[in-house]
Amino acid sequence: MKWQYPVLTVPKLPANGMALFPFILVKEASSKFDEVIIRHEIIHLRQQIELLVLPFYFFYLINYLYNRTIFNNHHEAYMNIVFEREAYANDIFSDYLQRRKPFSWIRYFKN
């Protein structure tokens, strides 16, 4: 499948995939063809566009640090970042990017 964003292989990447606008970075070359990983990262790219890129990284970090005060470990804090919650909840749906509404990540804030 052809993606609208450049997908680059970065073997030393600390994760399987990462979105750094406008690029999608993957750890293994085979991940370039993993539709779930790529879709997950495209969701992040859309979030970055909605927040004008740099503020996304700021809010992502603040949300992670806040989560670290609530959860006892990195993994739980990471998995509860609102941007990750949206991406993980929807990366398996092949039509999500077509039906996703702007700022969909807002509904993933926990009360």
PDB file of N, CA and C in Angstrom:
ATOM      1  N   MET A   1       0.844  -1.190   0.000  1.00  0.00           N
ATOM      2  CA  MET A   1       0.000   0.000   0.000  1.00  0.00           C
ATOM      3  C   MET A   1       0.884   1.246   0.000  1.00  0.00           C
ATOM      4  N   LYS A   2       0.503   2.240  -0.747  1.00  0.00           N
ATOM      5  CA  LYS A   2       1.224   3.516  -0.838  1.00  0.00           C
ATOM      6  C   LYS A   2       0.657   4.472   0.195  1.00  0.00           C
ATOM      7  N   TRP A   3       1.539   5.084   0.975  1.00  0.00           N
ATOM      8  CA  TRP A   3       1.113   6.024   2.007  1.00  0.00           C
ATOM      9  C   TRP A   3       1.417   7.446   1.555  1.00  0.00           C
ATOM     10  N   GLN A   4       0.671   8.409   2.088  1.00  0.00           N
ATOM     11  CA  GLN A   4       0.867   9.802   1.695  1.00  0.00           C
ATOM     12  C   GLN A   4       1.997  10.478   2.466  1.00  0.00           C
ATOM     13  N   TYR A   5       2.536   9.800   3.469  1.00  0.00           N
ATOM     14  CA  TYR A   5       3.643  10.335   4.251  1.00  0.00           C
ATOM     15  C   TYR A   5       4.882   9.477   4.021  1.00  0.00           C
ATOM     16  N   PRO A   6       6.078  10.082   4.003  1.00  0.00           N
ATOM     17  CA  PRO A   6       7.293   9.278   3.831  1.00  0.00           C
ATOM     18  C   PRO A   6       7.502   8.363   5.039  1.00  0.00           C
ATOM     19  N   VAL A   7       7.785   7.092   4.765  1.00  0.00           N
ATOM     20  CA  VAL A   7       8.055   6.113   5.820  1.00  0.00           C
ATOM     21  C   VAL A   7       9.534   5.752   5.750  1.00  0.00           C
ATOM     22  N   LEU A   8      10.253   6.017   6.844  1.00  0.00           N
ATOM     23  CA  LEU A   8      11.684   5.791   6.899  1.00  0.00           C
ATOM     24  C   LEU A   8      12.013   4.703   7.916  1.00  0.00           C
ATOM     25  N   THR A   9      12.986   3.868   7.600  1.00  0.00           N
ATOM     26  CA  THR A   9      13.444   2.838   8.532  1.00  0.00           C
ATOM     27  C   THR A   9      14.581   3.404   9.370  1.00  0.00           C
ATOM     28  N   VAL A  10      14.435   3.286  10.686  1.00  0.00           N
ATOM     29  CA  VAL A  10      15.446   3.763  11.635  1.00  0.00           C
ATOM     30  C   VAL A  10      15.698   2.609  12.617  1.00  0.00           C
ATOM     31  N   PRO A  11      16.691   1.763  12.342  1.00  0.00           N
ATOM     32  CA  PRO A  11      16.914   0.552  13.152  1.00  0.00           C
ATOM     33  C   PRO A  11      17.101   0.795  14.647  1.00  0.00           C
ATOM     34  N   LYS A  12      17.624   1.931  15.047  1.00  0.00           N
ATOM     35  CA  LYS A  12      17.856   2.198  16.474  1.00  0.00           C
ATOM     36  C   LYS A  12      16.670   2.894  17.153  1.00  0.00           C
ATOM     37  N   LEU A  13      15.545   2.963  16.477  1.00  0.00           N
ATOM     38  CA  LEU A  13      14.349   3.591  17.031  1.00  0.00           C
ATOM     39  C   LEU A  13      13.943   2.855  18.312  1.00  0.00           C
ATOM     40  N   PRO A  14      13.607   3.579  19.378  1.00  0.00           N
ATOM     41  CA  PRO A  14      13.252   2.917  20.641  1.00  0.00           C
ATOM     42  C   PRO A  14      11.852   2.302  20.655  1.00  0.00           C
ATOM     43  N   ALA A  15      11.101   2.457  19.574  1.00  0.00           N
ATOM     44  CA  ALA A  15       9.748   1.902  19.472  1.00  0.00           C
ATOM     45  C   ALA A  15       9.591   1.272  18.084  1.00  0.00           C
ATOM     46  N   ASN A  16       8.519   0.522  17.888  1.00  0.00           N
ATOM     47  CA  ASN A  16       8.273  -0.075  16.566  1.00  0.00           C
ATOM     48  C   ASN A  16       7.951   0.981  15.521  1.00  0.00           C
ATOM     49  N   GLY A  17       7.329   2.075  15.958  1.00  0.00           N
ATOM     50  CA  GLY A  17       6.985   3.160  15.047  1.00  0.00           C
ATOM     51  C   GLY A  17       6.916   4.473  15.782  1.00  0.00           C
ATOM     52  N   MET A  18       7.054   5.558  15.032  1.00  0.00           N
ATOM     53  CA  MET A  18       7.003   6.898  15.620  1.00  0.00           C
ATOM     54  C   MET A  18       6.629   7.888  14.520  1.00  0.00           C
ATOM     55  N   ALA A  19       5.837   8.861  14.883  1.00  0.00           N
ATOM     56  CA  ALA A  19       5.443   9.909  13.942  1.00  0.00           C
ATOM     57  C   ALA A  19       6.140  11.207  14.323  1.00  0.00           C
ATOM     58  N   LEU A  20       6.972  11.693  13.444  1.00  0.00           N
ATOM     59  CA  LEU A  20       7.624  12.997  13.596  1.00  0.00           C
ATOM     60  C   LEU A  20       7.330  13.768  12.320  1.00  0.00           C
ATOM     61  N   PHE A  21       6.328  14.615  12.407  1.00  0.00           N
ATOM     62  CA  PHE A  21       5.812  15.283  11.226  1.00  0.00           C
ATOM     63  C   PHE A  21       6.929  15.842  10.355  1.00  0.00           C
ATOM     64  N   PRO A  22       6.877  15.543   9.066  1.00  0.00           N
ATOM     65  CA  PRO A  22       5.887  14.803   8.281  1.00  0.00           C
ATOM     66  C   PRO A  22       6.263  13.337   8.038  1.00  0.00           C
ATOM     67  N   PHE A  23       7.142  12.800   8.863  1.00  0.00           N
ATOM     68  CA  PHE A  23       7.659  11.461   8.620  1.00  0.00           C
ATOM     69  C   PHE A  23       7.044  10.418   9.547  1.00  0.00           C
ATOM     70  N   ILE A  24       6.987   9.201   9.047  1.00  0.00           N
ATOM     71  CA  ILE A  24       6.705   8.034   9.873  1.00  0.00           C
ATOM     72  C   ILE A  24       8.006   7.256   9.937  1.00  0.00           C
ATOM     73  N   LEU A  25       8.449   6.995  11.150  1.00  0.00           N
ATOM     74  CA  LEU A  25       9.679   6.239  11.354  1.00  0.00           C
ATOM     75  C   LEU A  25       9.307   4.844  11.848  1.00  0.00           C
ATOM     76  N   VAL A  26       9.951   3.827  11.296  1.00  0.00           N
ATOM     77  CA  VAL A  26       9.728   2.452  11.748  1.00  0.00           C
ATOM     78  C   VAL A  26      11.066   1.810  12.057  1.00  0.00           C
ATOM     79  N   LYS A  27      11.052   0.902  13.009  1.00  0.00           N
ATOM     80  CA  LYS A  27      12.281   0.247  13.445  1.00  0.00           C
ATOM     81  C   LYS A  27      12.765  -0.783  12.428  1.00  0.00           C
ATOM     82  N   GLU A  28      11.831  -1.539  11.858  1.00  0.00           N
ATOM     83  CA  GLU A  28      12.171  -2.607  10.919  1.00  0.00           C
ATOM     84  C   GLU A  28      11.580  -2.301   9.545  1.00  0.00           C
ATOM     85  N   ALA A  29      12.322  -2.618   8.506  1.00  0.00           N
ATOM     86  CA  ALA A  29      11.864  -2.348   7.137  1.00  0.00           C
ATOM     87  C   ALA A  29      10.526  -3.022   6.856  1.00  0.00           C
ATOM     88  N   SER A  30      10.308  -4.201   7.414  1.00  0.00           N
ATOM     89  CA  SER A  30       9.054  -4.919   7.171  1.00  0.00           C
ATOM     90  C   SER A  30       7.842  -4.162   7.722  1.00  0.00           C
ATOM     91  N   SER A  31       8.069  -3.295   8.718  1.00  0.00           N
ATOM     92  CA  SER A  31       6.965  -2.525   9.298  1.00  0.00           C
ATOM     93  C   SER A  31       6.399  -1.492   8.336  1.00  0.00           C
ATOM     94  N   LYS A  32       7.137  -1.169   7.286  1.00  0.00           N
ATOM     95  CA  LYS A  32       6.620  -0.243   6.276  1.00  0.00           C
ATOM     96  C   LYS A  32       5.344  -0.776   5.636  1.00  0.00           C
ATOM     97  N   PHE A  33       5.140  -2.085   5.737  1.00  0.00           N
ATOM     98  CA  PHE A  33       3.982  -2.723   5.120  1.00  0.00           C
ATOM     99  C   PHE A  33       2.966  -3.195   6.150  1.00  0.00           C
ATOM    100  N   ASP A  34       3.195  -2.856   7.415  1.00  0.00           N
ATOM    101  CA  ASP A  34       2.271  -3.225   8.485  1.00  0.00           C
ATOM    102  C   ASP A  34       1.211  -2.131   8.590  1.00  0.00           C
ATOM    103  N   GLU A  35       0.034  -2.423   8.085  1.00  0.00           N
ATOM    104  CA  GLU A  35      -1.010  -1.400   8.000  1.00  0.00           C
ATOM    105  C   GLU A  35      -1.444  -0.878   9.361  1.00  0.00           C
ATOM    106  N   VAL A  36      -1.413  -1.715  10.393  1.00  0.00           N
ATOM    107  CA  VAL A  36      -1.815  -1.255  11.730  1.00  0.00           C
ATOM    108  C   VAL A  36      -0.795  -0.263  12.276  1.00  0.00           C
ATOM    109  N   ILE A  37       0.473  -0.589  12.178  1.00  0.00           N
ATOM    110  CA  ILE A  37       1.512   0.341  12.661  1.00  0.00           C
ATOM    111  C   ILE A  37       1.449   1.652  11.893  1.00  0.00           C
ATOM    112  N   ILE A  38       1.358   1.573  10.576  1.00  0.00           N
ATOM    113  CA  ILE A  38       1.332   2.797   9.765  1.00  0.00           C
ATOM    114  C   ILE A  38       0.079   3.614  10.054  1.00  0.00           C
ATOM    115  N   ARG A  39      -1.062   2.949  10.165  1.00  0.00           N
ATOM    116  CA  ARG A  39      -2.303   3.671  10.467  1.00  0.00           C
ATOM    117  C   ARG A  39      -2.196   4.361  11.829  1.00  0.00           C
ATOM    118  N   HIS A  40      -1.636   3.663  12.807  1.00  0.00           N
ATOM    119  CA  HIS A  40      -1.443   4.232  14.144  1.00  0.00           C
ATOM    120  C   HIS A  40      -0.625   5.527  14.049  1.00  0.00           C
ATOM    121  N   GLU A  41       0.443   5.482  13.281  1.00  0.00           N
ATOM    122  CA  GLU A  41       1.308   6.664  13.156  1.00  0.00           C
ATOM    123  C   GLU A  41       0.646   7.773  12.343  1.00  0.00           C
ATOM    124  N   ILE A  42      -0.160   7.418  11.364  1.00  0.00           N
ATOM    125  CA  ILE A  42      -0.885   8.449  10.601  1.00  0.00           C
ATOM    126  C   ILE A  42      -1.907   9.147  11.495  1.00  0.00           C
ATOM    127  N   ILE A  43      -2.529   8.399  12.400  1.00  0.00           N
ATOM    128  CA  ILE A  43      -3.436   9.034  13.364  1.00  0.00           C
ATOM    129  C   ILE A  43      -2.659  10.095  14.145  1.00  0.00           C
ATOM    130  N   HIS A  44      -1.435   9.754  14.573  1.00  0.00           N
ATOM    131  CA  HIS A  44      -0.615  10.741  15.284  1.00  0.00           C
ATOM    132  C   HIS A  44      -0.265  11.932  14.388  1.00  0.00           C
ATOM    133  N   LEU A  45       0.014  11.688  13.124  1.00  0.00           N
ATOM    134  CA  LEU A  45       0.314  12.804  12.221  1.00  0.00           C
ATOM    135  C   LEU A  45      -0.896  13.723  12.083  1.00  0.00           C
ATOM    136  N   ARG A  46      -2.086  13.157  12.010  1.00  0.00           N
ATOM    137  CA  ARG A  46      -3.297  13.989  11.945  1.00  0.00           C
ATOM    138  C   ARG A  46      -3.448  14.813  13.225  1.00  0.00           C
ATOM    139  N   GLN A  47      -3.172  14.178  14.370  1.00  0.00           N
ATOM    140  CA  GLN A  47      -3.235  14.901  15.642  1.00  0.00           C
ATOM    141  C   GLN A  47      -2.225  16.045  15.652  1.00  0.00           C
ATOM    142  N   GLN A  48      -1.048  15.780  15.130  1.00  0.00           N
ATOM    143  CA  GLN A  48      -0.003  16.806  15.084  1.00  0.00           C
ATOM    144  C   GLN A  48      -0.433  17.976  14.211  1.00  0.00           C
ATOM    145  N   ILE A  49      -1.036  17.694  13.083  1.00  0.00           N
ATOM    146  CA  ILE A  49      -1.525  18.750  12.189  1.00  0.00           C
ATOM    147  C   ILE A  49      -2.592  19.589  12.896  1.00  0.00           C
ATOM    148  N   GLU A  50      -3.507  18.911  13.597  1.00  0.00           N
ATOM    149  CA  GLU A  50      -4.582  19.619  14.294  1.00  0.00           C
ATOM    150  C   GLU A  50      -4.046  20.588  15.345  1.00  0.00           C
ATOM    151  N   LEU A  51      -2.940  20.229  15.964  1.00  0.00           N
ATOM    152  CA  LEU A  51      -2.361  21.077  17.004  1.00  0.00           C
ATOM    153  C   LEU A  51      -1.181  21.897  16.497  1.00  0.00           C
ATOM    154  N   LEU A  52      -1.051  21.998  15.187  1.00  0.00           N
ATOM    155  CA  LEU A  52      -0.002  22.794  14.550  1.00  0.00           C
ATOM    156  C   LEU A  52       1.405  22.293  14.893  1.00  0.00           C
ATOM    157  N   VAL A  53       1.541  21.001  14.995  1.00  0.00           N
ATOM    158  CA  VAL A  53       2.770  20.225  15.162  1.00  0.00           C
ATOM    159  C   VAL A  53       3.453  20.446  16.517  1.00  0.00           C
ATOM    160  N   LEU A  54       4.146  21.539  16.713  1.00  0.00           N
ATOM    161  CA  LEU A  54       4.919  21.706  17.948  1.00  0.00           C
ATOM    162  C   LEU A  54       4.080  21.652  19.224  1.00  0.00           C
ATOM    163  N   PRO A  55       2.915  22.301  19.284  1.00  0.00           N
ATOM    164  CA  PRO A  55       2.102  22.161  20.493  1.00  0.00           C
ATOM    165  C   PRO A  55       1.694  20.712  20.775  1.00  0.00           C
ATOM    166  N   PHE A  56       1.573  19.893  19.734  1.00  0.00           N
ATOM    167  CA  PHE A  56       1.260  18.475  19.947  1.00  0.00           C
ATOM    168  C   PHE A  56       2.309  17.842  20.859  1.00  0.00           C
ATOM    169  N   TYR A  57       3.578  18.064  20.549  1.00  0.00           N
ATOM    170  CA  TYR A  57       4.652  17.453  21.343  1.00  0.00           C
ATOM    171  C   TYR A  57       4.627  17.949  22.785  1.00  0.00           C
ATOM    172  N   PHE A  58       4.319  19.222  22.968  1.00  0.00           N
ATOM    173  CA  PHE A  58       4.215  19.793  24.307  1.00  0.00           C
ATOM    174  C   PHE A  58       3.081  19.119  25.082  1.00  0.00           C
ATOM    175  N   PHE A  59       1.890  19.050  24.477  1.00  0.00           N
ATOM    176  CA  PHE A  59       0.745  18.439  25.154  1.00  0.00           C
ATOM    177  C   PHE A  59       0.952  16.945  25.384  1.00  0.00           C
ATOM    178  N   TYR A  60       1.618  16.295  24.443  1.00  0.00           N
ATOM    179  CA  TYR A  60       1.924  14.877  24.588  1.00  0.00           C
ATOM    180  C   TYR A  60       2.796  14.666  25.826  1.00  0.00           C
ATOM    181  N   LEU A  61       3.851  15.466  25.958  1.00  0.00           N
ATOM    182  CA  LEU A  61       4.757  15.350  27.094  1.00  0.00           C
ATOM    183  C   LEU A  61       4.052  15.697  28.409  1.00  0.00           C
ATOM    184  N   ILE A  62       3.288  16.762  28.428  1.00  0.00           N
ATOM    185  CA  ILE A  62       2.565  17.158  29.646  1.00  0.00           C
ATOM    186  C   ILE A  62       1.590  16.066  30.056  1.00  0.00           C
ATOM    187  N   ASN A  63       0.880  15.485  29.095  1.00  0.00           N
ATOM    188  CA  ASN A  63      -0.070  14.414  29.402  1.00  0.00           C
ATOM    189  C   ASN A  63       0.667  13.193  29.962  1.00  0.00           C
ATOM    190  N   TYR A  64       1.822  12.872  29.387  1.00  0.00           N
ATOM    191  CA  TYR A  64       2.613  11.754  29.891  1.00  0.00           C
ATOM    192  C   TYR A  64       3.086  12.025  31.325  1.00  0.00           C
ATOM    193  N   LEU A  65       3.630  13.206  31.569  1.00  0.00           N
ATOM    194  CA  LEU A  65       4.117  13.532  32.911  1.00  0.00           C
ATOM    195  C   LEU A  65       2.985  13.527  33.943  1.00  0.00           C
ATOM    196  N   TYR A  66       1.848  14.041  33.560  1.00  0.00           N
ATOM    197  CA  TYR A  66       0.680  13.988  34.446  1.00  0.00           C
ATOM    198  C   TYR A  66       0.316  12.530  34.743  1.00  0.00           C
ATOM    199  N   ASN A  67       0.298  11.709  33.702  1.00  0.00           N
ATOM    200  CA  ASN A  67      -0.033  10.293  33.886  1.00  0.00           C
ATOM    201  C   ASN A  67       0.967   9.588  34.790  1.00  0.00           C
ATOM    202  N   ARG A  68       2.218  10.003  34.750  1.00  0.00           N
ATOM    203  CA  ARG A  68       3.230   9.383  35.622  1.00  0.00           C
ATOM    204  C   ARG A  68       2.941   9.660  37.093  1.00  0.00           C
ATOM    205  N   THR A  69       2.253  10.769  37.385  1.00  0.00           N
ATOM    206  CA  THR A  69       1.885  11.042  38.777  1.00  0.00           C
ATOM    207  C   THR A  69       0.736  10.154  39.236  1.00  0.00           C
ATOM    208  N   ILE A  70      -0.006   9.599  38.280  1.00  0.00           N
ATOM    209  CA  ILE A  70      -1.161   8.760  38.605  1.00  0.00           C
ATOM    210  C   ILE A  70      -0.803   7.274  38.560  1.00  0.00           C
ATOM    211  N   PHE A  71      -0.060   6.887  37.537  1.00  0.00           N
ATOM    212  CA  PHE A  71       0.267   5.475  37.323  1.00  0.00           C
ATOM    213  C   PHE A  71       1.676   5.179  37.815  1.00  0.00           C
ATOM    214  N   ASN A  72       1.890   3.948  38.177  1.00  0.00           N
ATOM    215  CA  ASN A  72       3.171   3.566  38.782  1.00  0.00           C
ATOM    216  C   ASN A  72       4.283   3.276  37.793  1.00  0.00           C
ATOM    217  N   ASN A  73       3.971   3.234  36.511  1.00  0.00           N
ATOM    218  CA  ASN A  73       5.036   2.862  35.576  1.00  0.00           C
ATOM    219  C   ASN A  73       4.875   3.570  34.234  1.00  0.00           C
ATOM    220  N   HIS A  74       5.958   3.528  33.489  1.00  0.00           N
ATOM    221  CA  HIS A  74       6.012   4.177  32.186  1.00  0.00           C
ATOM    222  C   HIS A  74       4.927   3.654  31.236  1.00  0.00           C
ATOM    223  N   HIS A  75       4.771   2.334  31.171  1.00  0.00           N
ATOM    224  CA  HIS A  75       3.842   1.741  30.204  1.00  0.00           C
ATOM    225  C   HIS A  75       2.408   2.229  30.427  1.00  0.00           C
ATOM    226  N   GLU A  76       1.939   2.213  31.664  1.00  0.00           N
ATOM    227  CA  GLU A  76       0.575   2.676  31.938  1.00  0.00           C
ATOM    228  C   GLU A  76       0.426   4.169  31.642  1.00  0.00           C
ATOM    229  N   ALA A  77       1.442   4.934  31.999  1.00  0.00           N
ATOM    230  CA  ALA A  77       1.397   6.372  31.723  1.00  0.00           C
ATOM    231  C   ALA A  77       1.325   6.622  30.221  1.00  0.00           C
ATOM    232  N   TYR A  78       2.151   5.917  29.463  1.00  0.00           N
ATOM    233  CA  TYR A  78       2.169   6.029  27.995  1.00  0.00           C
ATOM    234  C   TYR A  78       0.831   5.611  27.394  1.00  0.00           C
ATOM    235  N   MET A  79       0.308   4.474  27.819  1.00  0.00           N
ATOM    236  CA  MET A  79      -0.938   3.957  27.243  1.00  0.00           C
ATOM    237  C   MET A  79      -2.150   4.840  27.553  1.00  0.00           C
ATOM    238  N   ASN A  80      -2.027   5.711  28.546  1.00  0.00           N
ATOM    239  CA  ASN A  80      -3.130   6.594  28.904  1.00  0.00           C
ATOM    240  C   ASN A  80      -2.975   8.015  28.398  1.00  0.00           C
ATOM    241  N   ILE A  81      -1.978   8.268  27.587  1.00  0.00           N
ATOM    242  CA  ILE A  81      -1.886   9.558  26.897  1.00  0.00           C
ATOM    243  C   ILE A  81      -3.067   9.629  25.936  1.00  0.00           C
ATOM    244  N   VAL A  82      -3.796  10.717  25.925  1.00  0.00           N
ATOM    245  CA  VAL A  82      -5.020  10.790  25.110  1.00  0.00           C
ATOM    246  C   VAL A  82      -4.737  10.502  23.637  1.00  0.00           C
ATOM    247  N   PHE A  83      -3.622  10.939  23.128  1.00  0.00           N
ATOM    248  CA  PHE A  83      -3.284  10.720  21.724  1.00  0.00           C
ATOM    249  C   PHE A  83      -3.057   9.235  21.452  1.00  0.00           C
ATOM    250  N   GLU A  84      -2.429   8.548  22.394  1.00  0.00           N
ATOM    251  CA  GLU A  84      -2.212   7.102  22.250  1.00  0.00           C
ATOM    252  C   GLU A  84      -3.517   6.340  22.402  1.00  0.00           C
ATOM    253  N   ARG A  85      -4.372   6.802  23.292  1.00  0.00           N
ATOM    254  CA  ARG A  85      -5.663   6.124  23.485  1.00  0.00           C
ATOM    255  C   ARG A  85      -6.469   6.130  22.185  1.00  0.00           C
ATOM    256  N   GLU A  86      -6.501   7.274  21.510  1.00  0.00           N
ATOM    257  CA  GLU A  86      -7.214   7.317  20.225  1.00  0.00           C
ATOM    258  C   GLU A  86      -6.549   6.403  19.207  1.00  0.00           C
ATOM    259  N   ALA A  87      -5.236   6.485  19.086  1.00  0.00           N
ATOM    260  CA  ALA A  87      -4.527   5.707  18.071  1.00  0.00           C
ATOM    261  C   ALA A  87      -4.680   4.202  18.315  1.00  0.00           C
ATOM    262  N   TYR A  88      -4.477   3.748  19.544  1.00  0.00           N
ATOM    263  CA  TYR A  88      -4.595   2.312  19.831  1.00  0.00           C
ATOM    264  C   TYR A  88      -6.033   1.819  19.697  1.00  0.00           C
ATOM    265  N   ALA A  89      -7.003   2.653  20.027  1.00  0.00           N
ATOM    266  CA  ALA A  89      -8.407   2.237  19.933  1.00  0.00           C
ATOM    267  C   ALA A  89      -8.866   2.082  18.488  1.00  0.00           C
ATOM    268  N   ASN A  90      -8.166   2.729  17.549  1.00  0.00           N
ATOM    269  CA  ASN A  90      -8.675   2.780  16.179  1.00  0.00           C
ATOM    270  C   ASN A  90      -7.714   2.299  15.099  1.00  0.00           C
ATOM    271  N   ASP A  91      -6.488   1.958  15.452  1.00  0.00           N
ATOM    272  CA  ASP A  91      -5.518   1.598  14.413  1.00  0.00           C
ATOM    273  C   ASP A  91      -5.839   0.287  13.696  1.00  0.00           C
ATOM    274  N   ILE A  92      -6.735  -0.511  14.243  1.00  0.00           N
ATOM    275  CA  ILE A  92      -7.105  -1.779  13.579  1.00  0.00           C
ATOM    276  C   ILE A  92      -8.214  -1.603  12.535  1.00  0.00           C
ATOM    277  N   PHE A  93      -8.842  -0.445  12.521  1.00  0.00           N
ATOM    278  CA  PHE A  93      -9.965  -0.219  11.606  1.00  0.00           C
ATOM    279  C   PHE A  93      -9.475   0.412  10.300  1.00  0.00           C
ATOM    280  N   SER A  94      -9.590  -0.322   9.220  1.00  0.00           N
ATOM    281  CA  SER A  94      -9.040   0.129   7.934  1.00  0.00           C
ATOM    282  C   SER A  94      -9.703   1.408   7.422  1.00  0.00           C
ATOM    283  N   ASP A  95     -10.915   1.705   7.864  1.00  0.00           N
ATOM    284  CA  ASP A  95     -11.617   2.898   7.386  1.00  0.00           C
ATOM    285  C   ASP A  95     -11.530   4.074   8.357  1.00  0.00           C
ATOM    286  N   TYR A  96     -10.801   3.910   9.448  1.00  0.00           N
ATOM    287  CA  TYR A  96     -10.805   4.963  10.474  1.00  0.00           C
ATOM    288  C   TYR A  96     -10.303   6.304   9.953  1.00  0.00           C
ATOM    289  N   LEU A  97      -9.255   6.294   9.183  1.00  0.00           N
ATOM    290  CA  LEU A  97      -8.701   7.566   8.705  1.00  0.00           C
ATOM    291  C   LEU A  97      -9.672   8.296   7.779  1.00  0.00           C
ATOM    292  N   GLN A  98     -10.524   7.558   7.084  1.00  0.00           N
ATOM    293  CA  GLN A  98     -11.505   8.187   6.200  1.00  0.00           C
ATOM    294  C   GLN A  98     -12.682   8.771   6.989  1.00  0.00           C
ATOM    295  N   ARG A  99     -13.029   8.141   8.101  1.00  0.00           N
ATOM    296  CA  ARG A  99     -14.201   8.603   8.859  1.00  0.00           C
ATOM    297  C   ARG A  99     -13.847   9.417  10.101  1.00  0.00           C
ATOM    298  N   ARG A 100     -12.565   9.524  10.405  1.00  0.00           N
ATOM    299  CA  ARG A 100     -12.128  10.255  11.597  1.00  0.00           C
ATOM    300  C   ARG A 100     -12.474  11.735  11.477  1.00  0.00           C
ATOM    301  N   LYS A 101     -13.056  12.266  12.536  1.00  0.00           N
ATOM    302  CA  LYS A 101     -13.356  13.697  12.591  1.00  0.00           C
ATOM    303  C   LYS A 101     -12.177  14.422  13.259  1.00  0.00           C
ATOM    304  N   PRO A 102     -11.939  15.672  12.860  1.00  0.00           N
ATOM    305  CA  PRO A 102     -10.853  16.432  13.494  1.00  0.00           C
ATOM    306  C   PRO A 102     -11.019  16.502  15.014  1.00  0.00           C
ATOM    307  N   PHE A 103      -9.904  16.473  15.696  1.00  0.00           N
ATOM    308  CA  PHE A 103      -9.845  16.569  17.151  1.00  0.00           C
ATOM    309  C   PHE A 103     -10.563  15.414  17.862  1.00  0.00           C
ATOM    310  N   SER A 104     -10.607  14.273  17.225  1.00  0.00           N
ATOM    311  CA  SER A 104     -11.252  13.097  17.824  1.00  0.00           C
ATOM    312  C   SER A 104     -10.577  12.669  19.120  1.00  0.00           C
ATOM    313  N   TRP A 105      -9.319  12.995  19.283  1.00  0.00           N
ATOM    314  CA  TRP A 105      -8.573  12.606  20.481  1.00  0.00           C
ATOM    315  C   TRP A 105      -9.153  13.233  21.754  1.00  0.00           C
ATOM    316  N   ILE A 106      -9.874  14.334  21.627  1.00  0.00           N
ATOM    317  CA  ILE A 106     -10.418  15.027  22.813  1.00  0.00           C
ATOM    318  C   ILE A 106     -11.345  14.107  23.603  1.00  0.00           C
ATOM    319  N   ARG A 107     -12.077  13.258  22.927  1.00  0.00           N
ATOM    320  CA  ARG A 107     -13.034  12.404  23.661  1.00  0.00           C
ATOM    321  C   ARG A 107     -12.332  11.293  24.451  1.00  0.00           C
ATOM    322  N   TYR A 108     -11.028  11.181  24.333  1.00  0.00           N
ATOM    323  CA  TYR A 108     -10.282  10.165  25.069  1.00  0.00           C
ATOM    324  C   TYR A 108      -9.725  10.672  26.395  1.00  0.00           C
ATOM    325  N   PHE A 109     -10.042  11.907  26.757  1.00  0.00           N
ATOM    326  CA  PHE A 109      -9.692  12.391  28.083  1.00  0.00           C
ATOM    327  C   PHE A 109     -10.549  11.628  29.098  1.00  0.00           C
ATOM    328  N   LYS A 110      -9.920  11.148  30.129  1.00  0.00           N
ATOM    329  CA  LYS A 110     -10.667  10.479  31.193  1.00  0.00           C
ATOM    330  C   LYS A 110     -11.200  11.529  32.145  1.00  0.00           C
ATOM    331  N   ASN A 111     -12.361  11.265  32.692  1.00  0.00           N
ATOM    332  CA  ASN A 111     -12.938  12.190  33.683  1.00  0.00           C
ATOM    333  C   ASN A 111     -12.411  11.870  35.062  1.00  0.00           C
TER     334      ASN A 111
END
